N, C-alpha and C. Protein backbone atom coordinates (compact mmCIF):
# COMPACT_ATOMS: atom_id res chain seq x y z
N MET A 1 -77.28 57.54 3.93
CA MET A 1 -77.08 55.96 4.40
C MET A 1 -75.72 56.21 4.69
N MET A 2 -74.61 56.98 3.95
CA MET A 2 -73.42 57.19 4.20
C MET A 2 -73.27 57.50 5.83
N ALA A 3 -73.73 58.45 5.99
CA ALA A 3 -73.54 59.29 7.43
C ALA A 3 -74.21 58.57 8.87
N LYS A 4 -75.04 57.61 8.23
CA LYS A 4 -75.32 56.61 9.51
C LYS A 4 -74.25 55.49 9.73
N THR A 5 -73.71 55.13 8.56
CA THR A 5 -72.55 53.93 8.78
C THR A 5 -71.32 54.70 9.11
N VAL A 6 -71.08 56.18 8.90
CA VAL A 6 -69.84 56.70 9.80
C VAL A 6 -70.45 56.64 11.22
N ALA A 7 -71.27 56.95 11.14
CA ALA A 7 -71.87 57.49 13.05
C ALA A 7 -71.90 56.30 13.85
N GLY A 8 -72.49 54.98 13.17
CA GLY A 8 -72.03 53.85 13.49
C GLY A 8 -70.75 53.34 13.66
N LEU A 9 -69.96 53.41 12.73
CA LEU A 9 -68.68 52.99 13.04
C LEU A 9 -67.84 53.85 14.11
N ALA A 10 -68.04 55.24 14.07
CA ALA A 10 -67.41 56.04 15.16
C ALA A 10 -68.00 55.48 16.38
N LEU A 11 -69.08 55.29 16.74
CA LEU A 11 -69.57 54.89 17.84
C LEU A 11 -69.26 53.65 18.35
N LEU A 12 -69.08 52.45 17.41
CA LEU A 12 -68.64 51.49 17.64
C LEU A 12 -67.00 51.36 18.07
N ALA A 13 -66.64 52.21 17.48
CA ALA A 13 -65.08 52.32 17.92
C ALA A 13 -64.83 52.96 19.47
N PHE A 14 -65.59 54.02 19.65
CA PHE A 14 -65.95 54.89 21.06
C PHE A 14 -66.34 53.58 21.93
N ALA A 15 -67.09 52.51 21.84
CA ALA A 15 -67.54 51.61 22.72
C ALA A 15 -66.39 50.75 22.82
N LEU A 16 -65.77 50.29 21.89
CA LEU A 16 -64.54 49.39 22.04
C LEU A 16 -63.81 49.98 22.92
N MET A 17 -63.42 50.92 23.36
CA MET A 17 -62.23 51.67 23.99
C MET A 17 -62.93 51.41 25.54
N ALA A 18 -64.31 51.88 25.92
CA ALA A 18 -64.76 51.31 27.29
C ALA A 18 -64.65 50.12 27.85
N PRO A 19 -64.41 49.87 29.07
CA PRO A 19 -64.46 48.86 29.81
C PRO A 19 -65.74 48.02 29.25
N ALA A 20 -65.36 46.74 29.05
CA ALA A 20 -66.60 45.93 28.77
C ALA A 20 -67.51 45.52 30.04
N ALA A 21 -68.81 46.04 29.79
CA ALA A 21 -69.81 45.84 30.88
C ALA A 21 -69.93 44.58 31.18
N ASN A 22 -70.35 43.78 29.95
CA ASN A 22 -70.40 42.13 30.03
C ASN A 22 -69.47 41.42 29.72
N ALA A 23 -68.17 41.44 30.58
CA ALA A 23 -67.36 40.39 30.15
C ALA A 23 -67.60 39.09 30.00
N ALA A 24 -66.58 38.63 29.03
CA ALA A 24 -66.92 37.18 28.70
C ALA A 24 -66.44 36.38 29.81
N SER A 25 -67.25 35.09 29.84
CA SER A 25 -67.00 34.12 31.05
C SER A 25 -65.82 33.77 30.74
N ALA A 26 -65.08 33.26 31.85
CA ALA A 26 -63.75 32.61 31.67
C ALA A 26 -64.13 30.94 30.62
N GLU A 27 -64.77 30.44 30.95
CA GLU A 27 -65.25 29.49 29.85
C GLU A 27 -65.25 29.90 28.36
N VAL A 28 -65.80 31.06 28.13
CA VAL A 28 -65.77 31.38 26.88
C VAL A 28 -64.48 31.75 26.23
N ILE A 29 -63.92 32.60 26.73
CA ILE A 29 -62.63 33.23 26.88
C ILE A 29 -61.58 31.81 26.79
N ASP A 30 -61.88 30.74 27.69
CA ASP A 30 -60.85 29.59 27.36
C ASP A 30 -61.23 28.82 26.12
N ALA A 31 -62.23 28.62 25.61
CA ALA A 31 -62.79 28.16 24.43
C ALA A 31 -62.07 28.95 23.35
N ARG A 32 -62.67 30.19 23.26
CA ARG A 32 -62.04 30.72 21.95
C ARG A 32 -60.37 30.79 22.03
N ALA A 33 -59.83 31.10 23.46
CA ALA A 33 -58.27 30.73 23.23
C ALA A 33 -58.01 29.27 22.66
N ASP A 34 -58.58 28.24 22.95
CA ASP A 34 -58.00 27.19 22.28
C ASP A 34 -58.02 26.99 20.84
N ALA A 35 -59.38 27.50 20.33
CA ALA A 35 -59.32 27.45 19.05
C ALA A 35 -58.61 28.53 18.23
N ALA A 36 -58.32 29.44 19.06
CA ALA A 36 -56.90 30.28 18.34
C ALA A 36 -55.95 29.83 18.54
N LEU A 37 -55.40 29.40 19.38
CA LEU A 37 -54.22 28.38 19.02
C LEU A 37 -53.98 27.46 18.13
N GLU A 38 -54.78 27.02 18.03
CA GLU A 38 -55.19 25.65 16.70
C GLU A 38 -55.12 26.42 15.56
N ARG A 39 -55.73 27.31 15.41
CA ARG A 39 -55.75 28.52 14.13
C ARG A 39 -53.95 28.68 13.87
N LEU A 40 -53.54 29.52 15.25
CA LEU A 40 -51.84 29.70 14.89
C LEU A 40 -51.09 28.43 14.75
N TYR A 41 -51.26 27.16 15.38
CA TYR A 41 -50.46 26.25 14.96
C TYR A 41 -51.00 25.68 13.44
N ALA A 42 -51.72 25.86 12.88
CA ALA A 42 -52.02 25.57 11.69
C ALA A 42 -51.42 26.48 10.66
N GLN A 43 -51.08 27.94 11.14
CA GLN A 43 -50.33 28.69 10.03
C GLN A 43 -48.76 28.17 10.04
N THR A 44 -48.10 27.96 11.18
CA THR A 44 -46.82 27.90 11.62
C THR A 44 -46.59 26.54 12.65
N ALA A 45 -45.94 25.45 11.93
CA ALA A 45 -45.62 24.60 13.21
C ALA A 45 -44.66 24.85 14.24
N GLU A 46 -43.75 25.71 13.80
CA GLU A 46 -42.92 26.17 14.74
C GLU A 46 -43.54 27.23 16.20
N ALA A 47 -44.77 27.69 15.83
CA ALA A 47 -45.31 28.79 16.84
C ALA A 47 -45.67 27.40 18.13
N LYS A 48 -46.12 26.19 17.48
CA LYS A 48 -46.56 25.25 19.11
C LYS A 48 -45.14 24.95 19.65
N ALA A 49 -43.91 24.89 18.78
CA ALA A 49 -42.87 24.83 19.73
C ALA A 49 -42.64 25.98 21.10
N LEU A 50 -42.41 27.09 20.09
CA LEU A 50 -42.29 28.43 20.94
C LEU A 50 -43.47 28.55 22.08
N VAL A 51 -44.55 28.34 21.90
CA VAL A 51 -45.68 28.49 23.13
C VAL A 51 -45.31 27.23 23.92
N GLU A 52 -45.09 25.97 23.65
CA GLU A 52 -44.43 24.71 24.83
C GLU A 52 -43.23 25.27 25.56
N ARG A 53 -42.37 26.12 25.05
CA ARG A 53 -41.06 26.68 25.91
C ARG A 53 -41.43 28.03 26.28
N ALA A 54 -42.26 28.70 26.01
CA ALA A 54 -42.70 30.21 27.05
C ALA A 54 -43.38 29.73 28.13
N GLU A 55 -42.87 30.29 29.14
CA GLU A 55 -42.97 30.67 30.61
C GLU A 55 -44.38 30.98 30.72
N GLY A 56 -45.10 31.57 30.18
CA GLY A 56 -46.60 32.24 30.06
C GLY A 56 -46.69 32.43 28.82
N VAL A 57 -48.13 32.31 28.17
CA VAL A 57 -48.62 32.72 26.95
C VAL A 57 -49.92 33.37 27.24
N LEU A 58 -50.11 34.56 26.92
CA LEU A 58 -51.13 35.97 26.96
C LEU A 58 -52.10 35.80 25.56
N ILE A 59 -53.20 35.09 25.30
CA ILE A 59 -53.75 34.57 24.22
C ILE A 59 -55.34 35.44 24.31
N PHE A 60 -55.50 36.51 23.38
CA PHE A 60 -56.38 37.25 23.27
C PHE A 60 -56.89 37.01 22.05
N PRO A 61 -57.96 35.83 22.09
CA PRO A 61 -58.52 35.28 20.84
C PRO A 61 -59.18 35.97 19.91
N ARG A 62 -59.77 36.94 20.46
CA ARG A 62 -60.86 37.96 19.77
C ARG A 62 -60.63 39.53 20.04
N VAL A 63 -59.84 40.18 19.22
CA VAL A 63 -59.95 41.63 19.59
C VAL A 63 -60.66 42.29 18.32
N ILE A 64 -61.53 43.18 18.66
CA ILE A 64 -62.16 43.81 17.56
C ILE A 64 -61.70 45.28 17.32
N LYS A 65 -61.22 45.78 16.20
CA LYS A 65 -60.87 47.13 15.61
C LYS A 65 -61.67 47.51 14.42
N ALA A 66 -61.99 48.68 15.15
CA ALA A 66 -62.85 49.64 14.15
C ALA A 66 -62.73 51.16 14.54
N GLY A 67 -62.94 51.51 13.37
CA GLY A 67 -62.78 53.12 13.65
C GLY A 67 -63.12 53.84 12.00
N ILE A 68 -63.03 55.15 12.03
CA ILE A 68 -63.20 55.94 10.98
C ILE A 68 -62.76 57.24 11.29
N GLY A 69 -61.16 57.40 11.13
CA GLY A 69 -60.78 58.57 11.56
C GLY A 69 -60.19 58.19 13.12
N ILE A 70 -61.00 58.37 13.95
CA ILE A 70 -60.52 57.85 15.02
C ILE A 70 -60.92 56.36 15.52
N GLY A 71 -60.21 55.42 16.03
CA GLY A 71 -59.99 54.17 16.06
C GLY A 71 -59.91 53.45 17.17
N GLY A 72 -60.43 52.54 17.81
CA GLY A 72 -60.26 51.70 19.08
C GLY A 72 -60.41 50.31 18.94
N GLU A 73 -59.77 49.63 19.74
CA GLU A 73 -59.88 48.12 19.88
C GLU A 73 -59.61 47.40 21.00
N TYR A 74 -60.49 46.55 21.22
CA TYR A 74 -60.92 45.91 22.48
C TYR A 74 -60.76 44.17 22.50
N GLY A 75 -60.37 43.86 23.18
CA GLY A 75 -60.29 42.36 23.45
C GLY A 75 -59.98 41.63 24.77
N GLU A 76 -60.66 40.42 25.32
CA GLU A 76 -60.32 39.94 26.19
C GLU A 76 -59.55 38.66 26.03
N GLY A 77 -58.77 38.09 27.01
CA GLY A 77 -57.96 36.97 27.11
C GLY A 77 -57.45 36.46 28.14
N VAL A 78 -56.78 35.51 27.95
CA VAL A 78 -56.08 34.59 29.31
C VAL A 78 -54.77 34.51 29.30
N LEU A 79 -54.09 34.48 30.44
CA LEU A 79 -52.87 34.13 30.66
C LEU A 79 -52.89 32.87 31.08
N ARG A 80 -52.10 32.14 30.43
CA ARG A 80 -51.74 30.67 30.59
C ARG A 80 -50.32 30.04 30.84
N ILE A 81 -49.95 29.84 32.42
CA ILE A 81 -48.66 29.10 32.83
C ILE A 81 -48.63 27.42 32.97
N GLY A 82 -47.69 27.03 32.16
CA GLY A 82 -48.00 25.56 32.01
C GLY A 82 -49.30 24.85 31.43
N GLY A 83 -49.78 25.77 30.26
CA GLY A 83 -51.43 25.21 29.81
C GLY A 83 -52.36 25.60 30.64
N GLU A 84 -52.38 25.91 31.90
CA GLU A 84 -53.23 26.46 32.58
C GLU A 84 -53.77 27.77 33.00
N PRO A 85 -55.06 28.11 32.79
CA PRO A 85 -55.36 29.55 33.30
C PRO A 85 -54.88 30.02 34.33
N VAL A 86 -54.60 31.12 34.67
CA VAL A 86 -54.11 31.69 35.73
C VAL A 86 -54.68 33.07 36.20
N GLN A 87 -54.86 33.99 35.09
CA GLN A 87 -55.64 35.61 35.10
C GLN A 87 -56.15 35.77 33.75
N TYR A 88 -57.02 36.46 33.65
CA TYR A 88 -57.92 37.30 32.63
C TYR A 88 -57.39 38.37 32.52
N TYR A 89 -57.52 39.01 31.28
CA TYR A 89 -56.89 40.28 31.01
C TYR A 89 -57.60 40.80 29.96
N SER A 90 -57.64 42.35 29.81
CA SER A 90 -58.53 42.79 28.63
C SER A 90 -57.20 43.85 27.95
N THR A 91 -57.16 44.14 26.70
CA THR A 91 -56.42 44.56 25.88
C THR A 91 -57.31 45.82 25.04
N ALA A 92 -56.91 46.97 25.17
CA ALA A 92 -57.50 48.02 24.12
C ALA A 92 -56.23 49.22 24.01
N ALA A 93 -56.59 49.99 22.82
CA ALA A 93 -55.81 50.78 22.28
C ALA A 93 -56.61 51.69 21.46
N ALA A 94 -56.32 52.96 21.32
CA ALA A 94 -57.19 54.15 20.57
C ALA A 94 -55.67 54.38 19.44
N SER A 95 -56.36 54.69 18.16
CA SER A 95 -55.72 55.53 17.36
C SER A 95 -56.32 56.68 16.38
N ILE A 96 -55.64 57.45 15.90
CA ILE A 96 -56.18 58.60 15.14
C ILE A 96 -55.28 58.64 13.93
N GLY A 97 -56.08 58.48 12.73
CA GLY A 97 -55.42 58.81 11.62
C GLY A 97 -56.20 57.85 10.17
N PHE A 98 -55.87 57.77 9.04
CA PHE A 98 -56.73 57.24 7.87
C PHE A 98 -56.93 55.85 8.35
N GLN A 99 -58.33 55.58 8.62
CA GLN A 99 -58.87 54.20 8.77
C GLN A 99 -60.15 54.34 8.68
N LEU A 100 -60.89 53.18 8.09
CA LEU A 100 -62.26 53.16 7.84
C LEU A 100 -62.56 51.60 7.86
N GLY A 101 -63.62 51.48 8.74
CA GLY A 101 -64.11 49.66 8.67
C GLY A 101 -63.74 48.90 10.15
N ALA A 102 -63.86 47.66 10.18
CA ALA A 102 -63.64 46.79 11.28
C ALA A 102 -62.97 45.62 10.96
N GLN A 103 -62.27 45.12 11.97
CA GLN A 103 -61.36 43.99 11.91
C GLN A 103 -61.15 42.88 13.08
N ALA A 104 -61.15 41.81 13.06
CA ALA A 104 -61.30 40.90 14.14
C ALA A 104 -59.76 40.45 13.79
N LYS A 105 -59.09 40.11 14.95
CA LYS A 105 -57.99 39.42 15.26
C LYS A 105 -57.78 38.72 16.35
N ALA A 106 -56.73 37.63 16.34
CA ALA A 106 -56.08 37.01 17.45
C ALA A 106 -54.82 37.71 17.71
N GLN A 107 -54.57 38.01 19.20
CA GLN A 107 -53.16 38.40 19.35
C GLN A 107 -52.58 37.20 20.52
N PHE A 108 -51.28 36.95 20.43
CA PHE A 108 -50.68 36.14 21.32
C PHE A 108 -49.51 36.79 21.92
N LEU A 109 -48.95 36.83 23.20
CA LEU A 109 -47.78 37.46 23.57
C LEU A 109 -47.32 36.15 24.45
N LEU A 110 -46.20 35.83 24.02
CA LEU A 110 -45.39 34.67 24.50
C LEU A 110 -44.13 35.11 25.33
N PHE A 111 -44.26 34.98 26.66
CA PHE A 111 -42.93 35.35 27.80
C PHE A 111 -42.16 34.22 27.84
N MET A 112 -41.16 34.55 27.16
CA MET A 112 -40.19 33.34 27.02
C MET A 112 -39.23 33.23 27.93
N THR A 113 -38.95 34.10 28.75
CA THR A 113 -38.01 34.12 30.49
C THR A 113 -38.89 34.24 31.59
N PRO A 114 -38.29 33.80 32.73
CA PRO A 114 -38.99 34.02 33.96
C PRO A 114 -39.25 35.33 34.42
N GLU A 115 -38.25 36.27 33.79
CA GLU A 115 -37.96 37.88 34.29
C GLU A 115 -39.13 38.21 33.40
N ALA A 116 -39.12 37.99 31.91
CA ALA A 116 -40.35 38.75 31.44
C ALA A 116 -41.71 38.71 32.10
N LEU A 117 -42.05 37.31 32.15
CA LEU A 117 -43.23 36.82 32.74
C LEU A 117 -43.43 37.55 34.07
N ALA A 118 -42.78 37.91 35.37
CA ALA A 118 -42.68 38.52 36.22
C ALA A 118 -43.14 39.96 36.27
N GLY A 119 -42.14 40.53 35.06
CA GLY A 119 -42.44 41.95 34.97
C GLY A 119 -43.62 42.43 34.36
N PHE A 120 -44.23 41.25 33.83
CA PHE A 120 -45.85 41.59 33.10
C PHE A 120 -46.67 41.42 34.24
N GLN A 121 -46.47 40.13 35.13
CA GLN A 121 -47.64 40.13 36.32
C GLN A 121 -47.32 40.95 37.26
N ALA A 122 -46.10 41.61 37.55
CA ALA A 122 -46.25 42.62 38.66
C ALA A 122 -46.76 43.94 38.20
N LYS A 123 -47.21 44.28 36.96
CA LYS A 123 -47.80 45.50 36.79
C LYS A 123 -49.33 45.22 36.52
N ASP A 124 -50.40 45.86 37.16
CA ASP A 124 -51.54 45.82 37.09
C ASP A 124 -52.06 46.64 35.75
N GLY A 125 -51.40 47.56 35.12
CA GLY A 125 -51.86 47.87 33.84
C GLY A 125 -50.35 47.92 33.16
N TRP A 126 -50.42 47.08 32.18
CA TRP A 126 -49.03 46.93 31.27
C TRP A 126 -49.37 47.26 29.81
N GLU A 127 -48.39 48.09 29.33
CA GLU A 127 -48.31 48.74 28.17
C GLU A 127 -47.34 48.43 27.24
N ILE A 128 -47.56 47.61 25.93
CA ILE A 128 -46.54 47.40 25.16
C ILE A 128 -45.95 48.80 24.43
N GLY A 129 -44.73 48.59 24.62
CA GLY A 129 -43.95 49.61 24.18
C GLY A 129 -43.53 50.27 25.35
N VAL A 130 -43.90 50.41 26.35
CA VAL A 130 -43.58 51.38 27.59
C VAL A 130 -43.19 50.45 28.76
N ASP A 131 -44.16 49.36 29.19
CA ASP A 131 -43.74 48.60 30.06
C ASP A 131 -43.08 47.56 29.91
N GLY A 132 -42.98 47.39 28.45
CA GLY A 132 -42.23 45.91 27.67
C GLY A 132 -42.25 46.08 26.22
N SER A 133 -41.38 45.49 25.96
CA SER A 133 -41.19 45.34 24.15
C SER A 133 -41.47 44.11 23.69
N VAL A 134 -42.35 44.07 22.63
CA VAL A 134 -42.31 42.69 22.13
C VAL A 134 -42.05 42.76 20.52
N THR A 135 -41.30 41.46 20.80
CA THR A 135 -41.02 41.16 18.92
C THR A 135 -42.13 40.71 18.25
N LEU A 136 -42.37 41.15 17.20
CA LEU A 136 -43.31 40.53 16.49
C LEU A 136 -42.95 39.48 15.45
N VAL A 137 -43.54 38.33 15.22
CA VAL A 137 -43.06 37.14 14.46
C VAL A 137 -42.94 37.44 13.11
N ARG A 138 -41.86 37.50 12.43
CA ARG A 138 -41.88 37.16 10.85
C ARG A 138 -41.67 36.21 10.53
N ILE A 139 -42.64 35.50 9.44
CA ILE A 139 -42.30 34.31 8.75
C ILE A 139 -41.68 34.55 7.57
N GLY A 140 -40.45 33.42 7.58
CA GLY A 140 -39.78 33.35 6.53
C GLY A 140 -40.14 32.29 5.44
N VAL A 141 -39.07 32.24 4.51
CA VAL A 141 -39.54 31.35 3.49
C VAL A 141 -39.99 29.91 4.28
N GLY A 142 -41.14 29.32 3.22
CA GLY A 142 -41.51 28.12 3.93
C GLY A 142 -42.08 28.07 5.38
N GLY A 143 -42.50 29.20 5.75
CA GLY A 143 -43.32 29.17 6.83
C GLY A 143 -42.49 29.26 8.18
N SER A 144 -41.11 29.45 8.24
CA SER A 144 -40.26 29.27 9.12
C SER A 144 -40.24 30.66 9.96
N ILE A 145 -39.73 30.73 11.32
CA ILE A 145 -39.80 31.77 12.09
C ILE A 145 -37.97 32.10 12.38
N ASP A 146 -38.11 33.42 12.21
CA ASP A 146 -36.68 34.07 12.23
C ASP A 146 -36.02 33.57 13.45
N THR A 147 -34.89 33.13 13.63
CA THR A 147 -34.17 32.57 14.68
C THR A 147 -33.90 33.63 15.84
N THR A 148 -33.69 34.80 15.48
CA THR A 148 -33.39 35.67 16.19
C THR A 148 -34.43 36.39 17.14
N THR A 149 -35.78 36.40 16.32
CA THR A 149 -37.14 36.64 16.72
C THR A 149 -36.97 35.10 18.13
N ALA A 150 -36.70 34.37 17.84
CA ALA A 150 -36.92 32.99 18.72
C ALA A 150 -36.43 33.18 20.12
N GLN A 151 -35.58 34.18 19.93
CA GLN A 151 -34.74 34.16 21.27
C GLN A 151 -35.12 35.81 21.98
N ALA A 152 -35.97 36.52 21.67
CA ALA A 152 -36.76 37.51 22.20
C ALA A 152 -37.30 37.44 23.79
N PRO A 153 -37.19 38.30 24.55
CA PRO A 153 -38.22 37.56 26.05
C PRO A 153 -39.24 37.73 25.82
N VAL A 154 -40.23 38.52 24.90
CA VAL A 154 -41.46 38.15 24.89
C VAL A 154 -41.70 38.40 23.40
N ILE A 155 -42.40 37.42 22.75
CA ILE A 155 -42.79 37.21 21.25
C ILE A 155 -44.34 37.52 20.84
N GLY A 156 -44.63 38.30 19.97
CA GLY A 156 -46.07 38.29 19.54
C GLY A 156 -46.21 37.95 18.02
N PHE A 157 -47.42 37.27 18.20
CA PHE A 157 -47.97 36.84 17.25
C PHE A 157 -49.66 37.53 16.86
N VAL A 158 -49.81 37.98 15.56
CA VAL A 158 -51.26 38.85 15.33
C VAL A 158 -52.14 37.71 14.21
N LEU A 159 -52.86 37.23 14.43
CA LEU A 159 -53.85 36.36 13.53
C LEU A 159 -54.74 36.88 13.00
N ALA A 160 -54.92 37.18 11.55
CA ALA A 160 -56.51 37.41 11.21
C ALA A 160 -56.79 36.40 10.48
N ASP A 161 -58.19 36.61 10.14
CA ASP A 161 -58.84 35.65 9.50
C ASP A 161 -58.36 35.17 8.10
N ARG A 162 -57.41 36.07 7.65
CA ARG A 162 -56.59 35.55 6.34
C ARG A 162 -55.23 34.69 6.58
N GLY A 163 -54.93 34.77 7.76
CA GLY A 163 -54.08 34.41 8.32
C GLY A 163 -52.91 35.28 9.28
N LEU A 164 -51.64 34.93 9.62
CA LEU A 164 -50.48 36.04 10.08
C LEU A 164 -50.67 36.95 9.51
N MET A 165 -50.65 38.19 10.28
CA MET A 165 -50.52 39.41 9.64
C MET A 165 -49.08 39.88 10.05
N TYR A 166 -48.21 40.82 9.04
CA TYR A 166 -47.13 41.07 9.19
C TYR A 166 -46.89 42.42 9.34
N ASP A 167 -45.73 42.79 9.79
CA ASP A 167 -45.22 44.16 10.29
C ASP A 167 -46.30 45.13 11.03
N LEU A 168 -46.89 44.43 11.91
CA LEU A 168 -47.74 45.43 12.49
C LEU A 168 -47.56 45.79 13.87
N SER A 169 -47.94 46.88 14.49
CA SER A 169 -47.28 46.94 15.67
C SER A 169 -48.53 47.15 16.73
N LEU A 170 -48.01 46.36 17.96
CA LEU A 170 -48.75 46.45 19.19
C LEU A 170 -48.58 47.58 19.87
N SER A 171 -47.54 48.65 19.84
CA SER A 171 -47.15 49.44 20.71
C SER A 171 -48.75 50.39 20.97
N GLY A 172 -48.72 50.75 22.29
CA GLY A 172 -49.63 51.35 22.77
C GLY A 172 -50.75 50.70 23.35
N SER A 173 -50.79 49.44 23.04
CA SER A 173 -51.95 48.62 23.72
C SER A 173 -51.87 48.46 25.11
N LYS A 174 -52.79 48.56 25.89
CA LYS A 174 -53.10 48.47 27.26
C LYS A 174 -53.38 47.50 27.63
N ILE A 175 -52.71 46.55 28.22
CA ILE A 175 -53.33 45.29 28.80
C ILE A 175 -53.61 45.33 30.18
N SER A 176 -55.02 45.07 30.85
CA SER A 176 -55.25 45.22 32.15
C SER A 176 -55.96 43.88 32.57
N ARG A 177 -55.82 43.59 34.14
CA ARG A 177 -56.09 42.55 34.49
C ARG A 177 -57.67 42.62 34.67
N ILE A 178 -58.82 41.73 34.53
CA ILE A 178 -60.17 41.61 34.71
C ILE A 178 -60.41 40.76 36.00
N ALA A 179 -60.97 41.69 36.56
CA ALA A 179 -61.37 41.26 37.93
C ALA A 179 -62.33 40.01 37.67
N ARG A 180 -62.32 38.99 38.54
CA ARG A 180 -63.26 37.83 38.79
C ARG A 180 -63.71 37.40 39.76
């Protein structure tokens, strides 16, 4: 039984790394993005002010990560400018190391300056840590966001079922446009 579980998780990890054959519809992605934003706002009220101030917001409402030794993650999302969807994207990453299991999370990238947004949009494939640096939000006492973080050109949030995830790295995640 353990061998079947291990094999199943490995297959899931490899499947997550392949482009989605049946990408979610724009309507499904948009509805999931709305729900993910509401969950984020419930975690910290300051997130809403940052989203409203951002030049653009890339929302991946459901990123699935799975692996056993070798892992992968995949999700689909939407770039919104002025609250309106302008383009759909996928995110994918691979990892090697001690890992076992699966997890769903939501990821948010806030482009706080026109230059950061333009740099992202100019690339067909954008890799975090290579094409752009993302400052992950750290929540302080009372749920406040560090003021230094709030000044970064690109701010990232990662939200799991249990709330905001701390000290995670998004480096190596490749973000690509989904053709519609």
